[in-house]
Protein backbone atom coordinates (compact mmCIF):
# COMPACT_ATOMS: atom_id res chain seq x y z
CA SER A 1 -14.39 -20.69 -1.04
CA ARG A 2 -17.92 -21.89 -1.65
CA ASP A 3 -20.18 -21.87 -4.74
CA ILE A 4 -23.65 -20.43 -4.06
CA PRO A 5 -26.34 -21.79 -6.43
CA LEU A 6 -29.03 -19.49 -7.81
CA SER A 7 -32.32 -21.30 -7.34
CA ASN A 8 -34.05 -22.11 -10.66
CA SER A 9 -31.73 -19.86 -12.63
CA SER A 10 -28.87 -20.44 -15.06
CA ILE A 11 -27.82 -16.79 -15.46
CA VAL A 12 -24.19 -15.82 -15.04
CA PRO A 13 -24.43 -13.00 -12.47
CA ASP A 14 -22.75 -9.69 -13.31
CA LEU A 15 -23.87 -7.88 -10.16
CA VAL A 16 -23.98 -9.71 -6.83
CA TRP A 17 -25.40 -7.97 -3.73
CA VAL A 18 -25.03 -9.82 -0.39
CA LYS A 19 -26.30 -8.98 3.12
CA PRO A 20 -25.55 -10.94 6.30
CA ARG A 21 -28.81 -11.61 8.18
CA GLY A 22 -27.36 -12.79 11.50
CA PRO A 23 -26.46 -13.61 14.14
CA ASN A 24 -23.62 -11.07 13.62
CA ASN A 25 -24.04 -7.53 12.29
CA ALA A 26 -22.28 -6.68 9.03
CA ASN A 27 -22.64 -4.40 6.03
CA HIS A 28 -24.30 -4.91 2.70
CA VAL A 29 -21.64 -5.57 0.06
CA LEU A 30 -21.80 -5.36 -3.75
CA PHE A 31 -19.50 -6.85 -6.41
CA ASP A 32 -19.78 -6.61 -10.19
CA VAL A 33 -18.15 -7.70 -13.44
CA VAL A 34 -17.23 -4.21 -14.66
CA ARG A 35 -15.11 -3.39 -11.59
CA GLY A 36 -14.01 -7.02 -11.45
CA PHE A 37 -14.81 -9.62 -8.83
CA GLY A 38 -12.32 -10.37 -6.07
CA SER A 39 -10.67 -9.09 -2.93
CA GLY A 40 -10.75 -5.32 -2.48
CA LYS A 41 -13.75 -4.86 -4.79
CA GLY A 42 -16.61 -4.66 -2.28
CA LEU A 43 -18.84 -1.57 -2.04
CA SER A 44 -21.19 -1.25 0.93
CA SER A 45 -24.52 0.36 0.10
CA ASP A 46 -25.17 1.36 3.72
CA THR A 47 -21.93 3.37 4.07
CA ASN A 48 -20.17 6.12 2.14
CA GLY A 49 -16.90 4.18 2.16
CA ILE A 50 -14.57 3.67 -0.78
CA GLU A 51 -14.21 0.42 -2.73
CA GLY A 52 -12.81 -2.25 -0.43
CA GLY A 53 -13.46 0.08 2.50
CA SER A 54 -15.43 -2.62 4.32
CA SER A 55 -12.17 -4.60 4.48
CA ASP A 56 -13.56 -7.32 2.22
CA ALA A 57 -10.03 -8.70 1.92
CA THR A 58 -10.34 -9.43 5.63
CA TYR A 59 -14.04 -10.23 5.89
CA GLY A 60 -14.64 -12.23 2.71
CA TYR A 61 -15.62 -11.44 -0.86
CA VAL A 62 -17.28 -12.69 -4.05
CA SER A 63 -14.45 -13.97 -6.23
CA GLY A 64 -16.35 -14.81 -9.42
CA THR A 65 -19.47 -16.17 -11.08
CA ASP A 66 -20.52 -19.02 -13.34
CA ALA A 67 -23.76 -20.23 -14.89
CA GLY A 68 -26.32 -20.45 -12.09
CA GLU A 69 -23.95 -19.56 -9.23
CA PHE A 70 -21.49 -17.16 -7.64
CA THR A 71 -18.44 -17.99 -5.53
CA VAL A 72 -17.88 -16.57 -2.04
CA ASN A 73 -14.50 -16.60 -0.31
CA TYR A 74 -13.76 -16.83 3.38
CA ALA A 75 -11.06 -14.48 4.62
CA THR A 76 -9.65 -13.76 8.08
CA SER A 77 -13.02 -13.05 9.70
CA GLY A 78 -15.48 -13.85 6.94
CA ASN A 79 -18.54 -11.90 8.10
CA LEU A 80 -19.49 -10.31 4.76
CA VAL A 81 -20.19 -13.39 2.67
CA ASN A 82 -19.07 -16.69 4.24
CA LEU A 83 -18.70 -16.80 8.03
CA THR A 84 -19.45 -20.17 9.65
CA GLY A 85 -22.96 -20.16 11.12
CA GLN A 86 -23.92 -16.81 9.61
CA THR A 87 -26.99 -16.64 7.36
CA TYR A 88 -27.03 -14.47 4.23
CA VAL A 89 -29.33 -13.21 1.52
CA GLY A 90 -28.02 -12.52 -1.98
CA TRP A 91 -29.41 -10.86 -5.10
CA ALA A 92 -27.92 -11.35 -8.56
CA TRP A 93 -28.40 -9.58 -11.91
CA ASP A 94 -27.34 -10.38 -15.48
CA ALA A 95 -25.90 -7.30 -17.23
CA GLY A 96 -25.01 -9.02 -20.46
CA GLY A 97 -21.71 -10.57 -19.46
CA SER A 98 -18.46 -9.24 -20.83
CA VAL A 99 -17.84 -5.51 -20.98
CA SER A 100 -18.32 -3.99 -24.42
CA ALA A 101 -15.15 -4.01 -26.49
CA ASP A 102 -15.69 -0.38 -27.56
CA ASN A 103 -16.14 2.38 -25.01
CA ASN A 104 -19.54 4.06 -25.02
CA THR A 105 -19.17 7.59 -26.41
CA ASN A 106 -22.85 8.60 -26.42
CA GLY A 107 -22.26 10.96 -23.49
CA SER A 108 -19.82 13.80 -22.96
CA ILE A 109 -18.01 11.41 -20.58
CA THR A 110 -16.82 8.18 -22.21
CA SER A 111 -18.11 5.18 -20.26
CA THR A 112 -17.44 1.45 -20.05
CA VAL A 113 -20.64 -0.57 -20.21
CA SER A 114 -21.95 -4.09 -19.68
CA ALA A 115 -25.58 -4.04 -20.83
CA ASN A 116 -28.52 -6.44 -21.01
CA PRO A 117 -31.28 -4.54 -22.85
CA SER A 118 -33.58 -7.59 -22.79
CA ALA A 119 -33.72 -7.41 -18.99
CA GLY A 120 -33.36 -3.63 -18.74
CA PHE A 121 -30.14 -3.58 -16.72
CA SER A 122 -26.63 -2.24 -17.31
CA ILE A 123 -23.49 -1.60 -15.30
CA VAL A 124 -21.62 1.56 -16.24
CA SER A 125 -18.18 2.82 -15.21
CA TYR A 126 -16.97 6.38 -15.79
CA VAL A 127 -14.59 9.01 -14.40
CA GLY A 128 -16.23 12.04 -12.80
CA THR A 129 -15.61 15.57 -14.03
CA GLY A 130 -17.20 17.61 -11.23
CA SER A 131 -19.28 19.61 -13.72
CA LEU A 132 -22.42 19.10 -15.80
CA ALA A 133 -22.01 16.07 -18.09
CA THR A 134 -23.79 13.09 -19.67
CA VAL A 135 -22.94 9.38 -19.49
CA GLY A 136 -23.89 6.62 -21.95
CA HIS A 137 -25.76 3.68 -20.40
CA GLY A 138 -26.19 1.21 -23.26
CA LEU A 139 -29.85 0.19 -22.79
CA GLY A 140 -31.47 2.00 -25.73
CA VAL A 141 -34.50 3.18 -23.72
CA PRO A 142 -34.99 5.89 -21.06
CA LEU A 143 -33.97 4.72 -17.59
CA ASP A 144 -36.31 4.37 -14.62
CA MET A 145 -33.63 4.17 -11.93
CA VAL A 146 -29.90 4.86 -11.63
CA ILE A 147 -27.71 4.10 -8.60
CA THR A 148 -24.23 5.67 -8.55
CA LYS A 149 -21.21 5.37 -6.23
CA PRO A 150 -17.72 6.91 -6.41
CA ARG A 151 -15.24 4.08 -5.83
CA ASN A 152 -12.30 6.21 -4.68
CA GLY A 153 -11.22 9.79 -4.11
CA GLY A 154 -12.53 9.91 -0.54
CA SER A 155 -15.80 8.96 1.14
CA HIS A 156 -18.85 9.90 -0.93
CA SER A 157 -22.53 9.01 -0.70
CA TRP A 158 -24.48 6.83 -3.08
CA GLY A 159 -26.78 8.69 -5.48
CA VAL A 160 -30.19 7.41 -6.59
CA TYR A 161 -32.30 8.66 -9.49
CA GLN A 162 -35.92 7.53 -9.77
CA ARG A 163 -38.21 8.58 -12.61
CA TYR A 164 -41.50 8.48 -10.73
CA GLY A 165 -42.82 10.66 -7.93
CA SER A 166 -43.76 14.27 -7.40
CA SER A 167 -40.47 15.71 -8.57
CA GLY A 168 -38.73 12.94 -10.50
CA ALA A 169 -35.27 13.93 -11.63
CA GLU A 170 -34.98 16.65 -8.99
CA THR A 171 -35.35 14.21 -6.08
CA GLN A 172 -31.93 13.45 -4.60
CA LEU A 173 -31.81 10.15 -2.70
CA GLN A 174 -28.88 8.42 -0.96
CA LEU A 175 -28.73 4.70 -0.15
CA ASN A 176 -26.43 5.24 2.83
CA SER A 177 -28.60 7.82 4.60
CA THR A 178 -31.98 7.87 6.34
CA THR A 179 -32.31 11.57 5.50
CA ALA A 180 -35.44 12.44 3.53
CA PRO A 181 -34.80 13.07 -0.17
CA ASN A 182 -34.14 16.71 -0.94
CA GLU A 183 -35.04 18.77 -3.95
CA GLY A 184 -32.20 20.10 -6.06
CA THR A 185 -30.29 19.79 -9.30
CA SER A 186 -26.76 18.97 -8.13
CA PHE A 187 -27.21 15.20 -8.66
CA TRP A 188 -29.01 14.93 -12.03
CA ASN A 189 -29.40 18.57 -13.13
CA GLY A 190 -33.18 18.07 -12.95
CA THR A 191 -32.91 16.09 -16.18
CA HIS A 192 -34.46 12.68 -16.91
CA PRO A 193 -32.28 10.09 -18.70
CA THR A 194 -32.76 9.63 -22.42
CA SER A 195 -32.57 6.40 -24.39
CA THR A 196 -28.78 6.79 -24.61
CA VAL A 197 -27.50 8.85 -21.64
CA PHE A 198 -28.13 9.96 -18.07
CA THR A 199 -27.12 13.41 -16.84
CA VAL A 200 -24.88 14.14 -13.85
CA ASN A 201 -24.07 17.49 -12.31
CA THR A 202 -21.73 18.76 -9.59
CA ALA A 203 -22.60 16.46 -6.64
CA SER A 204 -19.85 14.13 -5.48
CA ALA A 205 -22.34 11.24 -5.27
CA THR A 206 -22.80 11.26 -9.03
CA ASN A 207 -19.81 13.11 -10.48
CA HIS A 208 -16.89 13.63 -8.09
CA SER A 209 -14.01 15.06 -10.10
CA GLY A 210 -11.37 12.46 -10.92
CA ALA A 211 -13.15 9.61 -9.12
CA ASP A 212 -13.88 6.25 -10.72
CA ILE A 213 -17.67 5.95 -10.47
CA ILE A 214 -19.89 2.89 -10.92
CA ALA A 215 -23.53 3.16 -11.96
CA TYR A 216 -26.25 0.50 -11.90
CA CYS A 217 -28.93 1.40 -14.48
CA PHE A 218 -32.45 0.01 -14.70
CA ALA A 219 -35.28 0.30 -17.23
CA ALA A 220 -38.65 -1.40 -16.75
CA VAL A 221 -39.13 -4.54 -18.85
CA GLU A 222 -42.32 -6.58 -18.48
CA GLY A 223 -41.54 -9.81 -16.67
CA TYR A 224 -38.31 -8.42 -15.16
CA SER A 225 -38.94 -5.19 -13.27
CA LYS A 226 -41.38 -2.36 -12.61
CA PHE A 227 -40.86 1.01 -10.89
CA VAL A 228 -43.64 2.85 -9.07
CA SER A 229 -44.21 5.65 -6.55
CA ASP A 230 -46.63 5.42 -3.66
CA THR A 231 -47.90 7.71 -0.89
CA GLY A 232 -48.59 5.91 2.37
CA ASN A 233 -51.94 6.28 4.14
CA GLY A 234 -51.06 4.76 7.52
């Protein structure tokens, strides 16, 4: 294993996103405190695979975090996070540390939340119902972006909500696809998040029945993040 320092930061990361840059090709891989760090916990944002589906037990994984660093482990092949000679980029977020002792019951689906309202970021875990529902996010303000991924129950796309743009909550984006966003209500029911919940509908990307689903929730906070929409002019 190897400890990776976070330059000029003492945060304890709760979400770690790593991408190999070369010379070998390999997937993006995400680990977080709510699902638990360690082998078998990787989710690849460029695929629709299940948790651990990128064989992170074989190819390496993030095993934990501490103040100002996260720890990467070499496995049989090691490409994902710690292969000799491979270069990597990593992004890390603070979601408030330990998961809340009490489940969040603001939505019709009970969720488990680690939230950092000061930075506008939370990690939310819930079980999908396959029908219209709401999920508590713990930030206390309306969200600007939500990224969801079913962890099991088969291969399902990532879902992305973004507040800004021509159609807002009706724009259905997927991290693992180059397909243009389509208009519809199956992801978010055409409903913007409130200060307490976000809405999910029938799409497997956001609410697959019986699946354990992880959501990364963002709200703009000055000095931390900003969300905009732009139309290119060539």
